[in-house]
Amino acid sequence: MYAASSPVAYEVRGAFSAGEVVELALAHGDEHVIKLADTALDVGDEGALAAAVRAVELNEPLR
């Protein structure tokens, strides 16, 4: 299993609305990022939305 030896420091760049998260994910284009954003909407809390934004930041965009 792959795992970091220690947690990676991360600061959320601010609050994102659900609409902004979906817009970022769709513009990114990766199906996994889009699915994570969709799941974050289902969960509906700031942590889930922040995780979706982080996925956009970490993955190479397809578009």
PDB file of N, CA and C in Angstrom:
ATOM      1  N   MET A   1       0.839  -1.175   0.000  1.00  0.00           N
ATOM      2  CA  MET A   1       0.000   0.000   0.000  1.00  0.00           C
ATOM      3  C   MET A   1       0.889   1.245   0.000  1.00  0.00           C
ATOM      4  N   TYR A   2       0.455   2.242  -0.730  1.00  0.00           N
ATOM      5  CA  TYR A   2       1.170   3.512  -0.760  1.00  0.00           C
ATOM      6  C   TYR A   2       0.593   4.435   0.295  1.00  0.00           C
ATOM      7  N   ALA A   3       1.473   5.015   1.070  1.00  0.00           N
ATOM      8  CA  ALA A   3       1.029   5.959   2.091  1.00  0.00           C
ATOM      9  C   ALA A   3       2.171   6.899   2.428  1.00  0.00           C
ATOM     10  N   ALA A   4       1.804   8.118   2.741  1.00  0.00           N
ATOM     11  CA  ALA A   4       2.802   9.093   3.164  1.00  0.00           C
ATOM     12  C   ALA A   4       3.299   8.727   4.559  1.00  0.00           C
ATOM     13  N   SER A   5       4.557   9.018   4.835  1.00  0.00           N
ATOM     14  CA  SER A   5       5.100   8.715   6.156  1.00  0.00           C
ATOM     15  C   SER A   5       4.531   9.648   7.226  1.00  0.00           C
ATOM     16  N   SER A   6       4.056  10.810   6.782  1.00  0.00           N
ATOM     17  CA  SER A   6       3.410  11.744   7.695  1.00  0.00           C
ATOM     18  C   SER A   6       2.386  12.559   6.898  1.00  0.00           C
ATOM     19  N   PRO A   7       1.423  13.153   7.581  1.00  0.00           N
ATOM     20  CA  PRO A   7       0.412  13.942   6.869  1.00  0.00           C
ATOM     21  C   PRO A   7       1.041  15.123   6.129  1.00  0.00           C
ATOM     22  N   VAL A   8       0.461  15.452   5.007  1.00  0.00           N
ATOM     23  CA  VAL A   8       0.916  16.591   4.217  1.00  0.00           C
ATOM     24  C   VAL A   8       0.129  17.813   4.667  1.00  0.00           C
ATOM     25  N   ALA A   9       0.842  18.877   4.979  1.00  0.00           N
ATOM     26  CA  ALA A   9       0.177  20.109   5.394  1.00  0.00           C
ATOM     27  C   ALA A   9      -0.614  20.682   4.223  1.00  0.00           C
ATOM     28  N   TYR A  10      -1.818  21.108   4.499  1.00  0.00           N
ATOM     29  CA  TYR A  10      -2.659  21.700   3.464  1.00  0.00           C
ATOM     30  C   TYR A  10      -3.583  22.720   4.090  1.00  0.00           C
ATOM     31  N   GLU A  11      -3.637  23.886   3.467  1.00  0.00           N
ATOM     32  CA  GLU A  11      -4.558  24.922   3.911  1.00  0.00           C
ATOM     33  C   GLU A  11      -5.559  25.173   2.803  1.00  0.00           C
ATOM     34  N   VAL A  12      -6.809  25.144   3.150  1.00  0.00           N
ATOM     35  CA  VAL A  12      -7.874  25.397   2.182  1.00  0.00           C
ATOM     36  C   VAL A  12      -7.754  26.839   1.705  1.00  0.00           C
ATOM     37  N   ARG A  13      -7.887  27.036   0.388  1.00  0.00           N
ATOM     38  CA  ARG A  13      -7.721  28.363  -0.210  1.00  0.00           C
ATOM     39  C   ARG A  13      -8.921  29.272   0.004  1.00  0.00           C
ATOM     40  N   GLY A  14      -9.825  28.904   0.822  1.00  0.00           N
ATOM     41  CA  GLY A  14     -11.022  29.692   1.054  1.00  0.00           C
ATOM     42  C   GLY A  14     -12.246  28.804   0.935  1.00  0.00           C
ATOM     43  N   ALA A  15     -13.393  29.384   1.126  1.00  0.00           N
ATOM     44  CA  ALA A  15     -14.634  28.614   1.042  1.00  0.00           C
ATOM     45  C   ALA A  15     -15.105  28.568  -0.406  1.00  0.00           C
ATOM     46  N   PHE A  16     -15.526  27.396  -0.835  1.00  0.00           N
ATOM     47  CA  PHE A  16     -16.056  27.213  -2.174  1.00  0.00           C
ATOM     48  C   PHE A  16     -17.500  26.755  -2.055  1.00  0.00           C
ATOM     49  N   SER A  17     -18.345  27.326  -2.882  1.00  0.00           N
ATOM     50  CA  SER A  17     -19.731  26.855  -2.926  1.00  0.00           C
ATOM     51  C   SER A  17     -19.777  25.546  -3.695  1.00  0.00           C
ATOM     52  N   ALA A  18     -20.855  24.823  -3.535  1.00  0.00           N
ATOM     53  CA  ALA A  18     -21.025  23.564  -4.257  1.00  0.00           C
ATOM     54  C   ALA A  18     -20.947  23.806  -5.760  1.00  0.00           C
ATOM     55  N   GLY A  19     -21.553  24.870  -6.229  1.00  0.00           N
ATOM     56  CA  GLY A  19     -21.526  25.196  -7.653  1.00  0.00           C
ATOM     57  C   GLY A  19     -20.120  25.457  -8.166  1.00  0.00           C
ATOM     58  N   GLU A  20     -19.321  26.152  -7.368  1.00  0.00           N
ATOM     59  CA  GLU A  20     -17.934  26.429  -7.763  1.00  0.00           C
ATOM     60  C   GLU A  20     -17.111  25.153  -7.841  1.00  0.00           C
ATOM     61  N   VAL A  21     -17.340  24.235  -6.913  1.00  0.00           N
ATOM     62  CA  VAL A  21     -16.606  22.970  -6.904  1.00  0.00           C
ATOM     63  C   VAL A  21     -16.942  22.160  -8.155  1.00  0.00           C
ATOM     64  N   VAL A  22     -18.222  22.082  -8.488  1.00  0.00           N
ATOM     65  CA  VAL A  22     -18.635  21.355  -9.686  1.00  0.00           C
ATOM     66  C   VAL A  22     -18.051  22.008 -10.935  1.00  0.00           C
ATOM     67  N   GLU A  23     -18.081  23.317 -10.980  1.00  0.00           N
ATOM     68  CA  GLU A  23     -17.524  24.048 -12.127  1.00  0.00           C
ATOM     69  C   GLU A  23     -16.031  23.757 -12.293  1.00  0.00           C
ATOM     70  N   LEU A  24     -15.284  23.766 -11.200  1.00  0.00           N
ATOM     71  CA  LEU A  24     -13.855  23.451 -11.253  1.00  0.00           C
ATOM     72  C   LEU A  24     -13.622  22.031 -11.753  1.00  0.00           C
ATOM     73  N   ALA A  25     -14.398  21.078 -11.240  1.00  0.00           N
ATOM     74  CA  ALA A  25     -14.238  19.677 -11.617  1.00  0.00           C
ATOM     75  C   ALA A  25     -14.574  19.459 -13.091  1.00  0.00           C
ATOM     76  N   LEU A  26     -15.653  20.051 -13.554  1.00  0.00           N
ATOM     77  CA  LEU A  26     -16.031  19.889 -14.960  1.00  0.00           C
ATOM     78  C   LEU A  26     -15.011  20.538 -15.886  1.00  0.00           C
ATOM     79  N   ALA A  27     -14.488  21.686 -15.495  1.00  0.00           N
ATOM     80  CA  ALA A  27     -13.456  22.338 -16.301  1.00  0.00           C
ATOM     81  C   ALA A  27     -12.181  21.503 -16.329  1.00  0.00           C
ATOM     82  N   HIS A  28     -11.914  20.804 -15.236  1.00  0.00           N
ATOM     83  CA  HIS A  28     -10.739  19.940 -15.141  1.00  0.00           C
ATOM     84  C   HIS A  28     -10.851  18.778 -16.113  1.00  0.00           C
ATOM     85  N   GLY A  29     -12.001  18.111 -16.119  1.00  0.00           N
ATOM     86  CA  GLY A  29     -12.276  17.087 -17.101  1.00  0.00           C
ATOM     87  C   GLY A  29     -12.009  15.643 -16.718  1.00  0.00           C
ATOM     88  N   ASP A  30     -11.244  15.379 -15.676  1.00  0.00           N
ATOM     89  CA  ASP A  30     -10.956  14.002 -15.289  1.00  0.00           C
ATOM     90  C   ASP A  30     -12.193  13.377 -14.641  1.00  0.00           C
ATOM     91  N   GLU A  31     -12.582  12.193 -15.120  1.00  0.00           N
ATOM     92  CA  GLU A  31     -13.801  11.560 -14.626  1.00  0.00           C
ATOM     93  C   GLU A  31     -13.761  11.256 -13.135  1.00  0.00           C
ATOM     94  N   HIS A  32     -12.580  10.967 -12.600  1.00  0.00           N
ATOM     95  CA  HIS A  32     -12.468  10.664 -11.169  1.00  0.00           C
ATOM     96  C   HIS A  32     -12.627  11.928 -10.327  1.00  0.00           C
ATOM     97  N   VAL A  33     -12.088  13.023 -10.817  1.00  0.00           N
ATOM     98  CA  VAL A  33     -12.238  14.307 -10.122  1.00  0.00           C
ATOM     99  C   VAL A  33     -13.711  14.723 -10.134  1.00  0.00           C
ATOM    100  N   ILE A  34     -14.361  14.534 -11.275  1.00  0.00           N
ATOM    101  CA  ILE A  34     -15.782  14.876 -11.384  1.00  0.00           C
ATOM    102  C   ILE A  34     -16.609  14.016 -10.435  1.00  0.00           C
ATOM    103  N   LYS A  35     -16.323  12.733 -10.370  1.00  0.00           N
ATOM    104  CA  LYS A  35     -17.059  11.827  -9.479  1.00  0.00           C
ATOM    105  C   LYS A  35     -16.838  12.211  -8.008  1.00  0.00           C
ATOM    106  N   LEU A  36     -15.608  12.577  -7.658  1.00  0.00           N
ATOM    107  CA  LEU A  36     -15.339  13.007  -6.283  1.00  0.00           C
ATOM    108  C   LEU A  36     -16.120  14.277  -5.960  1.00  0.00           C
ATOM    109  N   ALA A  37     -16.179  15.203  -6.909  1.00  0.00           N
ATOM    110  CA  ALA A  37     -16.952  16.431  -6.689  1.00  0.00           C
ATOM    111  C   ALA A  37     -18.430  16.109  -6.504  1.00  0.00           C
ATOM    112  N   ASP A  38     -18.944  15.171  -7.297  1.00  0.00           N
ATOM    113  CA  ASP A  38     -20.342  14.754  -7.171  1.00  0.00           C
ATOM    114  C   ASP A  38     -20.602  14.140  -5.794  1.00  0.00           C
ATOM    115  N   THR A  39     -19.686  13.313  -5.347  1.00  0.00           N
ATOM    116  CA  THR A  39     -19.816  12.694  -4.024  1.00  0.00           C
ATOM    117  C   THR A  39     -19.727  13.755  -2.921  1.00  0.00           C
ATOM    118  N   ALA A  40     -18.844  14.737  -3.118  1.00  0.00           N
ATOM    119  CA  ALA A  40     -18.724  15.823  -2.135  1.00  0.00           C
ATOM    120  C   ALA A  40     -20.041  16.578  -2.003  1.00  0.00           C
ATOM    121  N   LEU A  41     -20.756  16.734  -3.107  1.00  0.00           N
ATOM    122  CA  LEU A  41     -22.061  17.392  -3.036  1.00  0.00           C
ATOM    123  C   LEU A  41     -23.043  16.555  -2.220  1.00  0.00           C
ATOM    124  N   ASP A  42     -22.973  15.234  -2.389  1.00  0.00           N
ATOM    125  CA  ASP A  42     -23.844  14.353  -1.612  1.00  0.00           C
ATOM    126  C   ASP A  42     -23.540  14.444  -0.119  1.00  0.00           C
ATOM    127  N   VAL A  43     -22.251  14.509   0.216  1.00  0.00           N
ATOM    128  CA  VAL A  43     -21.843  14.612   1.625  1.00  0.00           C
ATOM    129  C   VAL A  43     -22.240  15.979   2.163  1.00  0.00           C
ATOM    130  N   GLY A  44     -21.921  17.020   1.400  1.00  0.00           N
ATOM    131  CA  GLY A  44     -22.411  18.353   1.700  1.00  0.00           C
ATOM    132  C   GLY A  44     -21.714  19.148   2.777  1.00  0.00           C
ATOM    133  N   ASP A  45     -20.516  18.753   3.193  1.00  0.00           N
ATOM    134  CA  ASP A  45     -19.833  19.584   4.183  1.00  0.00           C
ATOM    135  C   ASP A  45     -18.575  20.211   3.581  1.00  0.00           C
ATOM    136  N   GLU A  46     -18.006  21.167   4.318  1.00  0.00           N
ATOM    137  CA  GLU A  46     -16.847  21.910   3.808  1.00  0.00           C
ATOM    138  C   GLU A  46     -15.635  21.015   3.572  1.00  0.00           C
ATOM    139  N   GLY A  47     -15.442  20.010   4.422  1.00  0.00           N
ATOM    140  CA  GLY A  47     -14.313  19.099   4.257  1.00  0.00           C
ATOM    141  C   GLY A  47     -14.390  18.325   2.959  1.00  0.00           C
ATOM    142  N   ALA A  48     -15.582  17.865   2.619  1.00  0.00           N
ATOM    143  CA  ALA A  48     -15.765  17.125   1.371  1.00  0.00           C
ATOM    144  C   ALA A  48     -15.537  18.025   0.161  1.00  0.00           C
ATOM    145  N   LEU A  49     -16.048  19.234   0.215  1.00  0.00           N
ATOM    146  CA  LEU A  49     -15.832  20.174  -0.889  1.00  0.00           C
ATOM    147  C   LEU A  49     -14.349  20.527  -1.019  1.00  0.00           C
ATOM    148  N   ALA A  50     -13.671  20.696   0.112  1.00  0.00           N
ATOM    149  CA  ALA A  50     -12.232  20.984   0.086  1.00  0.00           C
ATOM    150  C   ALA A  50     -11.452  19.822  -0.526  1.00  0.00           C
ATOM    151  N   ALA A  51     -11.866  18.587  -0.241  1.00  0.00           N
ATOM    152  CA  ALA A  51     -11.204  17.421  -0.825  1.00  0.00           C
ATOM    153  C   ALA A  51     -11.365  17.408  -2.339  1.00  0.00           C
ATOM    154  N   ALA A  52     -12.531  17.785  -2.826  1.00  0.00           N
ATOM    155  CA  ALA A  52     -12.757  17.838  -4.272  1.00  0.00           C
ATOM    156  C   ALA A  52     -11.895  18.921  -4.918  1.00  0.00           C
ATOM    157  N   VAL A  53     -11.771  20.063  -4.271  1.00  0.00           N
ATOM    158  CA  VAL A  53     -10.907  21.128  -4.795  1.00  0.00           C
ATOM    159  C   VAL A  53      -9.454  20.660  -4.801  1.00  0.00           C
ATOM    160  N   ARG A  54      -9.053  19.957  -3.768  1.00  0.00           N
ATOM    161  CA  ARG A  54      -7.679  19.437  -3.693  1.00  0.00           C
ATOM    162  C   ARG A  54      -7.422  18.427  -4.811  1.00  0.00           C
ATOM    163  N   ALA A  55      -8.406  17.618  -5.150  1.00  0.00           N
ATOM    164  CA  ALA A  55      -8.272  16.672  -6.248  1.00  0.00           C
ATOM    165  C   ALA A  55      -8.028  17.401  -7.565  1.00  0.00           C
ATOM    166  N   VAL A  56      -8.699  18.533  -7.748  1.00  0.00           N
ATOM    167  CA  VAL A  56      -8.477  19.348  -8.942  1.00  0.00           C
ATOM    168  C   VAL A  56      -7.040  19.843  -8.975  1.00  0.00           C
ATOM    169  N   GLU A  57      -6.523  20.247  -7.812  1.00  0.00           N
ATOM    170  CA  GLU A  57      -5.162  20.778  -7.731  1.00  0.00           C
ATOM    171  C   GLU A  57      -4.100  19.704  -7.975  1.00  0.00           C
ATOM    172  N   LEU A  58      -4.345  18.481  -7.515  1.00  0.00           N
ATOM    173  CA  LEU A  58      -3.325  17.437  -7.557  1.00  0.00           C
ATOM    174  C   LEU A  58      -3.269  16.664  -8.861  1.00  0.00           C
ATOM    175  N   ASN A  59      -4.351  16.615  -9.611  1.00  0.00           N
ATOM    176  CA  ASN A  59      -4.414  15.805 -10.816  1.00  0.00           C
ATOM    177  C   ASN A  59      -4.232  16.660 -12.069  1.00  0.00           C
ATOM    178  N   GLU A  60      -3.566  16.088 -13.055  1.00  0.00           N
ATOM    179  CA  GLU A  60      -3.372  16.781 -14.329  1.00  0.00           C
ATOM    180  C   GLU A  60      -4.721  16.928 -15.020  1.00  0.00           C
ATOM    181  N   PRO A  61      -5.043  18.143 -15.488  1.00  0.00           N
ATOM    182  CA  PRO A  61      -6.315  18.316 -16.190  1.00  0.00           C
ATOM    183  C   PRO A  61      -6.314  17.636 -17.558  1.00  0.00           C
ATOM    184  N   LEU A  62      -7.484  17.182 -17.967  1.00  0.00           N
ATOM    185  CA  LEU A  62      -7.626  16.552 -19.267  1.00  0.00           C
ATOM    186  C   LEU A  62      -8.014  17.551 -20.338  1.00  0.00           C
ATOM    187  N   ARG A  63      -8.500  18.695 -19.935  1.00  0.00           N
ATOM    188  CA  ARG A  63      -8.955  19.704 -20.901  1.00  0.00           C
ATOM    189  C   ARG A  63      -8.087  20.922 -20.841  1.00  0.00           C
TER     190      ARG A  63
END
